[in-house]
N, C-alpha and C. Protein backbone atom coordinates (compact mmCIF):
# COMPACT_ATOMS: atom_id res chain seq x y z
N UNK A 1 7.37 -32.72 -17.20
CA UNK A 1 7.83 -32.38 -15.87
C UNK A 1 8.64 -33.54 -15.30
N UNK A 2 9.37 -33.25 -14.25
CA UNK A 2 10.22 -34.25 -13.63
C UNK A 2 9.37 -35.36 -13.02
N UNK A 3 8.26 -35.00 -12.39
CA UNK A 3 7.38 -35.99 -11.77
C UNK A 3 6.78 -36.92 -12.83
N UNK A 4 6.33 -36.33 -13.94
CA UNK A 4 5.75 -37.13 -15.01
C UNK A 4 6.81 -38.07 -15.59
N UNK A 5 8.04 -37.56 -15.77
CA UNK A 5 9.13 -38.39 -16.26
C UNK A 5 9.41 -39.55 -15.34
N UNK A 6 9.37 -39.30 -14.04
CA UNK A 6 9.57 -40.38 -13.06
C UNK A 6 8.44 -41.40 -13.13
N UNK A 7 7.21 -40.93 -13.35
CA UNK A 7 6.07 -41.83 -13.46
C UNK A 7 6.22 -42.72 -14.70
N UNK A 8 6.67 -42.14 -15.81
CA UNK A 8 6.89 -42.93 -17.02
C UNK A 8 7.97 -43.97 -16.78
N UNK A 9 9.07 -43.55 -16.16
CA UNK A 9 10.18 -44.47 -15.91
C UNK A 9 9.74 -45.61 -15.01
N UNK A 10 8.95 -45.31 -13.98
CA UNK A 10 8.49 -46.34 -13.06
C UNK A 10 7.53 -47.30 -13.74
N UNK A 11 6.77 -46.82 -14.71
CA UNK A 11 5.79 -47.68 -15.37
C UNK A 11 6.42 -48.53 -16.47
N UNK A 12 7.66 -48.24 -16.84
CA UNK A 12 8.32 -49.00 -17.88
C UNK A 12 7.98 -48.52 -19.29
N UNK A 13 7.22 -47.44 -19.40
CA UNK A 13 6.89 -46.90 -20.72
C UNK A 13 7.87 -45.80 -21.05
N UNK A 14 7.92 -45.43 -22.31
CA UNK A 14 8.81 -44.34 -22.71
C UNK A 14 8.01 -43.06 -22.86
N UNK A 15 8.69 -41.97 -22.71
CA UNK A 15 8.04 -40.67 -22.90
C UNK A 15 7.66 -40.52 -24.37
N UNK A 16 6.50 -39.90 -24.63
CA UNK A 16 6.12 -39.70 -26.03
C UNK A 16 7.14 -38.82 -26.74
N UNK A 17 7.33 -39.08 -28.00
CA UNK A 17 8.23 -38.29 -28.82
C UNK A 17 7.77 -36.83 -28.78
N UNK A 18 8.68 -35.91 -28.44
CA UNK A 18 8.32 -34.51 -28.29
C UNK A 18 7.81 -33.90 -29.58
N UNK A 19 8.36 -34.32 -30.73
CA UNK A 19 7.89 -33.76 -32.00
C UNK A 19 6.47 -34.23 -32.30
N UNK A 20 6.16 -35.48 -31.96
CA UNK A 20 4.79 -35.98 -32.14
C UNK A 20 3.83 -35.25 -31.22
N UNK A 21 4.27 -35.03 -29.98
CA UNK A 21 3.42 -34.31 -29.02
C UNK A 21 3.19 -32.88 -29.49
N UNK A 22 4.21 -32.26 -30.06
CA UNK A 22 4.09 -30.90 -30.57
C UNK A 22 3.11 -30.85 -31.75
N UNK A 23 3.21 -31.80 -32.67
CA UNK A 23 2.30 -31.85 -33.81
C UNK A 23 0.87 -32.11 -33.35
N UNK A 24 0.72 -33.00 -32.38
CA UNK A 24 -0.61 -33.29 -31.84
C UNK A 24 -1.19 -32.04 -31.20
N UNK A 25 -0.37 -31.31 -30.47
CA UNK A 25 -0.80 -30.07 -29.84
C UNK A 25 -1.26 -29.04 -30.88
N UNK A 26 -0.54 -28.97 -32.01
CA UNK A 26 -0.94 -28.05 -33.09
C UNK A 26 -2.30 -28.44 -33.65
N UNK A 27 -2.54 -29.73 -33.84
CA UNK A 27 -3.84 -30.19 -34.34
C UNK A 27 -4.95 -29.87 -33.34
N UNK A 28 -4.66 -30.02 -32.06
CA UNK A 28 -5.66 -29.71 -31.03
C UNK A 28 -6.00 -28.23 -31.07
N UNK A 29 -5.00 -27.38 -31.26
CA UNK A 29 -5.24 -25.93 -31.33
C UNK A 29 -6.05 -25.55 -32.56
N UNK A 30 -6.00 -26.35 -33.62
CA UNK A 30 -6.73 -26.04 -34.85
C UNK A 30 -8.21 -26.43 -34.78
N UNK A 31 -8.61 -27.14 -33.72
CA UNK A 31 -10.01 -27.53 -33.59
C UNK A 31 -10.88 -26.29 -33.46
N UNK A 32 -12.00 -26.29 -34.15
CA UNK A 32 -12.93 -25.15 -34.12
C UNK A 32 -14.34 -25.66 -34.37
N UNK A 33 -15.30 -24.88 -33.91
CA UNK A 33 -16.71 -25.21 -34.13
C UNK A 33 -17.13 -24.61 -35.46
N UNK A 34 -17.68 -25.45 -36.34
CA UNK A 34 -18.13 -24.97 -37.64
C UNK A 34 -19.21 -25.90 -38.18
N UNK A 35 -19.93 -25.40 -39.18
CA UNK A 35 -20.99 -26.21 -39.78
C UNK A 35 -20.40 -27.44 -40.45
N UNK A 36 -21.09 -28.55 -40.30
CA UNK A 36 -20.62 -29.79 -40.90
C UNK A 36 -20.55 -29.66 -42.42
N UNK A 37 -19.52 -30.25 -42.98
CA UNK A 37 -19.26 -30.32 -44.42
C UNK A 37 -18.97 -28.98 -45.08
N UNK A 38 -18.75 -27.94 -44.28
CA UNK A 38 -18.29 -26.67 -44.84
C UNK A 38 -16.80 -26.80 -45.15
N UNK A 39 -16.24 -25.83 -45.87
CA UNK A 39 -14.81 -25.87 -46.18
C UNK A 39 -13.98 -25.88 -44.89
N UNK A 40 -14.38 -25.06 -43.92
CA UNK A 40 -13.65 -25.01 -42.65
C UNK A 40 -13.74 -26.36 -41.93
N UNK A 41 -14.93 -26.97 -41.96
CA UNK A 41 -15.12 -28.26 -41.29
C UNK A 41 -14.21 -29.32 -41.90
N UNK A 42 -14.08 -29.31 -43.22
CA UNK A 42 -13.22 -30.30 -43.86
C UNK A 42 -11.78 -30.19 -43.38
N UNK A 43 -11.31 -28.96 -43.14
CA UNK A 43 -9.96 -28.77 -42.62
C UNK A 43 -9.89 -29.22 -41.15
N UNK A 44 -10.89 -28.82 -40.36
CA UNK A 44 -10.91 -29.17 -38.94
C UNK A 44 -11.05 -30.68 -38.76
N UNK A 45 -11.80 -31.30 -39.66
CA UNK A 45 -12.04 -32.73 -39.56
C UNK A 45 -10.74 -33.53 -39.60
N UNK A 46 -9.78 -33.10 -40.39
CA UNK A 46 -8.48 -33.78 -40.46
C UNK A 46 -7.82 -33.77 -39.08
N UNK A 47 -7.82 -32.61 -38.43
CA UNK A 47 -7.23 -32.52 -37.09
C UNK A 47 -8.03 -33.33 -36.08
N UNK A 48 -9.34 -33.24 -36.15
CA UNK A 48 -10.19 -33.98 -35.22
C UNK A 48 -9.99 -35.49 -35.37
N UNK A 49 -9.89 -35.95 -36.59
CA UNK A 49 -9.67 -37.36 -36.86
C UNK A 49 -8.33 -37.81 -36.29
N UNK A 50 -7.28 -37.02 -36.48
CA UNK A 50 -5.96 -37.37 -35.96
C UNK A 50 -5.97 -37.42 -34.42
N UNK A 51 -6.58 -36.42 -33.79
CA UNK A 51 -6.63 -36.37 -32.33
C UNK A 51 -7.43 -37.56 -31.80
N UNK A 52 -8.56 -37.85 -32.42
CA UNK A 52 -9.40 -38.97 -31.99
C UNK A 52 -8.67 -40.29 -32.12
N UNK A 53 -8.06 -40.53 -33.26
CA UNK A 53 -7.34 -41.80 -33.47
C UNK A 53 -6.17 -41.94 -32.50
N UNK A 54 -5.47 -40.85 -32.24
CA UNK A 54 -4.35 -40.90 -31.29
C UNK A 54 -4.86 -41.23 -29.89
N UNK A 55 -5.95 -40.59 -29.49
CA UNK A 55 -6.52 -40.84 -28.16
C UNK A 55 -6.97 -42.30 -28.04
N UNK A 56 -7.59 -42.83 -29.08
CA UNK A 56 -8.04 -44.22 -29.04
C UNK A 56 -6.87 -45.19 -28.95
N UNK A 57 -5.79 -44.89 -29.66
CA UNK A 57 -4.61 -45.76 -29.61
C UNK A 57 -3.93 -45.71 -28.25
N UNK A 58 -3.98 -44.56 -27.60
CA UNK A 58 -3.28 -44.39 -26.32
C UNK A 58 -4.12 -44.83 -25.13
N UNK A 59 -5.43 -44.99 -25.33
CA UNK A 59 -6.32 -45.27 -24.20
C UNK A 59 -6.06 -46.65 -23.61
N UNK A 60 -5.87 -46.64 -22.31
CA UNK A 60 -5.78 -47.87 -21.54
C UNK A 60 -6.66 -47.61 -20.32
N UNK A 61 -7.69 -48.43 -20.11
CA UNK A 61 -8.62 -48.14 -19.02
C UNK A 61 -7.93 -47.93 -17.67
N UNK A 62 -7.06 -48.84 -17.28
CA UNK A 62 -6.36 -48.69 -16.01
C UNK A 62 -4.93 -49.17 -16.17
N UNK A 63 -4.00 -48.37 -15.69
CA UNK A 63 -2.60 -48.76 -15.71
C UNK A 63 -2.35 -49.72 -14.55
N UNK A 64 -1.88 -50.90 -14.87
CA UNK A 64 -1.58 -51.92 -13.85
C UNK A 64 -2.78 -52.20 -12.95
N UNK A 65 -3.99 -52.10 -13.53
CA UNK A 65 -5.20 -52.41 -12.76
C UNK A 65 -5.58 -51.36 -11.74
N UNK A 66 -4.93 -50.21 -11.74
CA UNK A 66 -5.23 -49.16 -10.75
C UNK A 66 -6.23 -48.17 -11.31
N UNK A 67 -7.47 -48.17 -10.80
CA UNK A 67 -8.48 -47.25 -11.33
C UNK A 67 -8.24 -45.79 -10.94
N UNK A 68 -7.26 -45.52 -10.10
CA UNK A 68 -7.00 -44.16 -9.64
C UNK A 68 -5.87 -43.48 -10.41
N UNK A 69 -5.38 -44.11 -11.47
CA UNK A 69 -4.33 -43.52 -12.29
C UNK A 69 -4.87 -42.30 -13.01
N UNK A 70 -4.14 -41.19 -12.97
CA UNK A 70 -4.59 -39.97 -13.63
C UNK A 70 -4.00 -39.89 -15.04
N UNK A 71 -4.52 -38.95 -15.84
CA UNK A 71 -3.98 -38.75 -17.19
C UNK A 71 -2.51 -38.36 -17.14
N UNK A 72 -2.09 -37.67 -16.08
CA UNK A 72 -0.72 -37.19 -15.99
C UNK A 72 0.23 -38.30 -15.58
N UNK A 73 -0.29 -39.37 -14.99
CA UNK A 73 0.55 -40.51 -14.61
C UNK A 73 0.61 -41.56 -15.71
N UNK A 74 -0.36 -41.54 -16.60
CA UNK A 74 -0.41 -42.51 -17.69
C UNK A 74 0.25 -41.98 -18.95
N UNK A 75 -0.06 -42.62 -20.06
CA UNK A 75 0.58 -42.25 -21.32
C UNK A 75 -0.47 -41.79 -22.34
N UNK A 76 -1.56 -41.18 -21.86
CA UNK A 76 -2.63 -40.72 -22.73
C UNK A 76 -2.41 -39.25 -23.07
N UNK A 77 -1.45 -39.00 -23.93
CA UNK A 77 -1.02 -37.65 -24.26
C UNK A 77 -2.14 -36.85 -24.92
N UNK A 78 -2.89 -37.47 -25.84
CA UNK A 78 -3.95 -36.74 -26.55
C UNK A 78 -5.00 -36.21 -25.59
N UNK A 79 -5.48 -37.05 -24.70
CA UNK A 79 -6.50 -36.62 -23.73
C UNK A 79 -5.93 -35.55 -22.80
N UNK A 80 -4.70 -35.73 -22.36
CA UNK A 80 -4.07 -34.75 -21.47
C UNK A 80 -3.93 -33.39 -22.15
N UNK A 81 -3.50 -33.39 -23.42
CA UNK A 81 -3.32 -32.12 -24.14
C UNK A 81 -4.65 -31.41 -24.38
N UNK A 82 -5.71 -32.17 -24.66
CA UNK A 82 -7.03 -31.56 -24.84
C UNK A 82 -7.43 -30.84 -23.56
N UNK A 83 -7.19 -31.47 -22.42
CA UNK A 83 -7.53 -30.83 -21.14
C UNK A 83 -6.62 -29.64 -20.85
N UNK A 84 -5.32 -29.82 -21.03
CA UNK A 84 -4.37 -28.76 -20.71
C UNK A 84 -4.56 -27.52 -21.57
N UNK A 85 -4.99 -27.70 -22.82
CA UNK A 85 -5.15 -26.55 -23.71
C UNK A 85 -6.57 -25.98 -23.66
N UNK A 86 -7.42 -26.55 -22.81
CA UNK A 86 -8.76 -26.02 -22.64
C UNK A 86 -9.66 -26.22 -23.85
N UNK A 87 -9.48 -27.32 -24.57
CA UNK A 87 -10.25 -27.54 -25.80
C UNK A 87 -11.43 -28.48 -25.60
N UNK A 88 -11.71 -28.90 -24.37
CA UNK A 88 -12.84 -29.80 -24.12
C UNK A 88 -14.14 -29.14 -24.56
N UNK A 89 -14.31 -27.86 -24.21
CA UNK A 89 -15.54 -27.16 -24.58
C UNK A 89 -15.72 -27.10 -26.10
N UNK A 90 -14.64 -26.88 -26.83
CA UNK A 90 -14.71 -26.85 -28.30
C UNK A 90 -15.18 -28.21 -28.82
N UNK A 91 -14.63 -29.29 -28.27
CA UNK A 91 -15.04 -30.62 -28.70
C UNK A 91 -16.52 -30.87 -28.40
N UNK A 92 -16.97 -30.45 -27.23
CA UNK A 92 -18.38 -30.62 -26.88
C UNK A 92 -19.28 -29.80 -27.78
N UNK A 93 -18.88 -28.57 -28.09
CA UNK A 93 -19.69 -27.74 -28.99
C UNK A 93 -19.72 -28.33 -30.39
N UNK A 94 -18.62 -28.93 -30.85
CA UNK A 94 -18.61 -29.62 -32.15
C UNK A 94 -19.64 -30.75 -32.14
N UNK A 95 -19.71 -31.49 -31.05
CA UNK A 95 -20.68 -32.58 -30.95
C UNK A 95 -22.11 -32.05 -30.99
N UNK A 96 -22.37 -30.94 -30.30
CA UNK A 96 -23.71 -30.35 -30.28
C UNK A 96 -24.11 -29.87 -31.68
N UNK A 97 -23.20 -29.21 -32.37
CA UNK A 97 -23.48 -28.73 -33.74
C UNK A 97 -23.78 -29.92 -34.65
N UNK A 98 -22.96 -30.97 -34.56
CA UNK A 98 -23.18 -32.15 -35.39
C UNK A 98 -24.53 -32.80 -35.08
N UNK A 99 -24.85 -32.91 -33.79
CA UNK A 99 -26.14 -33.50 -33.40
C UNK A 99 -27.30 -32.69 -33.94
N UNK A 100 -27.24 -31.36 -33.78
CA UNK A 100 -28.33 -30.50 -34.24
C UNK A 100 -28.49 -30.55 -35.76
N UNK A 101 -27.39 -30.55 -36.48
CA UNK A 101 -27.46 -30.61 -37.94
C UNK A 101 -27.99 -31.97 -38.41
N UNK A 102 -27.62 -33.03 -37.70
CA UNK A 102 -28.12 -34.36 -38.04
C UNK A 102 -29.63 -34.43 -37.80
N UNK A 103 -30.09 -33.89 -36.67
CA UNK A 103 -31.53 -33.87 -36.38
C UNK A 103 -32.28 -33.10 -37.46
N UNK A 104 -31.75 -31.96 -37.86
CA UNK A 104 -32.39 -31.16 -38.90
C UNK A 104 -32.45 -31.94 -40.22
N UNK A 105 -31.40 -32.62 -40.56
CA UNK A 105 -31.36 -33.41 -41.79
C UNK A 105 -32.39 -34.53 -41.74
N UNK A 106 -32.49 -35.21 -40.61
CA UNK A 106 -33.45 -36.31 -40.46
C UNK A 106 -34.87 -35.77 -40.60
N UNK A 107 -35.15 -34.61 -39.97
CA UNK A 107 -36.49 -34.01 -40.07
C UNK A 107 -36.83 -33.69 -41.52
N UNK A 108 -35.86 -33.25 -42.29
CA UNK A 108 -36.10 -32.91 -43.69
C UNK A 108 -36.32 -34.15 -44.55
N UNK A 109 -35.73 -35.25 -44.17
CA UNK A 109 -35.81 -36.47 -44.98
C UNK A 109 -37.01 -37.35 -44.65
N UNK A 110 -37.51 -37.25 -43.43
CA UNK A 110 -38.63 -38.10 -43.03
C UNK A 110 -39.96 -37.51 -43.47
N UNK A 111 -40.96 -38.37 -43.69
CA UNK A 111 -42.29 -37.84 -44.01
C UNK A 111 -42.84 -37.09 -42.80
N UNK A 112 -43.77 -36.15 -43.03
CA UNK A 112 -44.31 -35.39 -41.91
C UNK A 112 -44.98 -36.31 -40.89
N UNK A 113 -44.84 -35.94 -39.64
CA UNK A 113 -45.45 -36.71 -38.55
C UNK A 113 -46.95 -36.46 -38.53
N UNK A 114 -47.74 -37.40 -37.97
CA UNK A 114 -49.18 -37.17 -37.87
C UNK A 114 -49.47 -35.91 -37.06
N UNK A 115 -50.59 -35.33 -37.33
CA UNK A 115 -50.98 -34.10 -36.65
C UNK A 115 -51.14 -34.34 -35.15
N UNK A 116 -50.50 -33.56 -34.34
CA UNK A 116 -50.55 -33.74 -32.89
C UNK A 116 -51.95 -33.52 -32.31
N UNK A 117 -52.76 -32.55 -32.77
CA UNK A 117 -54.10 -32.41 -32.20
C UNK A 117 -54.95 -33.66 -32.42
N UNK A 118 -54.81 -34.34 -33.55
CA UNK A 118 -55.57 -35.56 -33.79
C UNK A 118 -55.16 -36.65 -32.80
N UNK A 119 -53.88 -36.73 -32.48
CA UNK A 119 -53.42 -37.71 -31.49
C UNK A 119 -53.97 -37.38 -30.11
N UNK A 120 -54.04 -36.10 -29.78
CA UNK A 120 -54.54 -35.69 -28.47
C UNK A 120 -56.01 -36.05 -28.33
N UNK A 121 -56.82 -35.94 -29.39
CA UNK A 121 -58.25 -36.28 -29.33
C UNK A 121 -58.43 -37.79 -29.15
N UNK A 122 -57.52 -38.58 -29.71
CA UNK A 122 -57.66 -40.03 -29.61
C UNK A 122 -57.19 -40.57 -28.27
N UNK A 123 -56.41 -39.79 -27.54
CA UNK A 123 -55.87 -40.25 -26.25
C UNK A 123 -56.98 -40.26 -25.21
N UNK A 124 -56.95 -41.26 -24.30
CA UNK A 124 -57.97 -41.28 -23.24
C UNK A 124 -57.78 -40.11 -22.30
N UNK A 125 -58.86 -39.57 -21.74
CA UNK A 125 -58.73 -38.44 -20.82
C UNK A 125 -58.02 -38.85 -19.54
N UNK A 126 -57.30 -37.89 -18.95
CA UNK A 126 -56.61 -38.13 -17.68
C UNK A 126 -57.65 -38.15 -16.60
N UNK A 127 -57.50 -39.04 -15.66
CA UNK A 127 -58.53 -39.01 -14.63
C UNK A 127 -58.25 -39.81 -13.50
């Protein structure tokens, strides 16, 4: 937009390359929720890795020390595109699936926990 272009010009930064922004947008659109290490996940992981690395490279906590700078005034294209394309929920669901699968894996790998009724008998009574 014209306003965003003016913000870039005022900040002394250049506008992101449109072809790079277009490719990044395509990778963001390819994000999907799927089981970890499935064939689909391996494909999605490439896009997720690219989006994550781009966002980390573009991240600047505050432009010129101003904590009120918005994504649209800064140069954080990856974060802005994730919001504009409505993919935040997909990213959050990916995190939840990964967390749940990791918990399940840990439960399968660890020895069984002590019996809970035995622990309850050893605990002092409430009073």
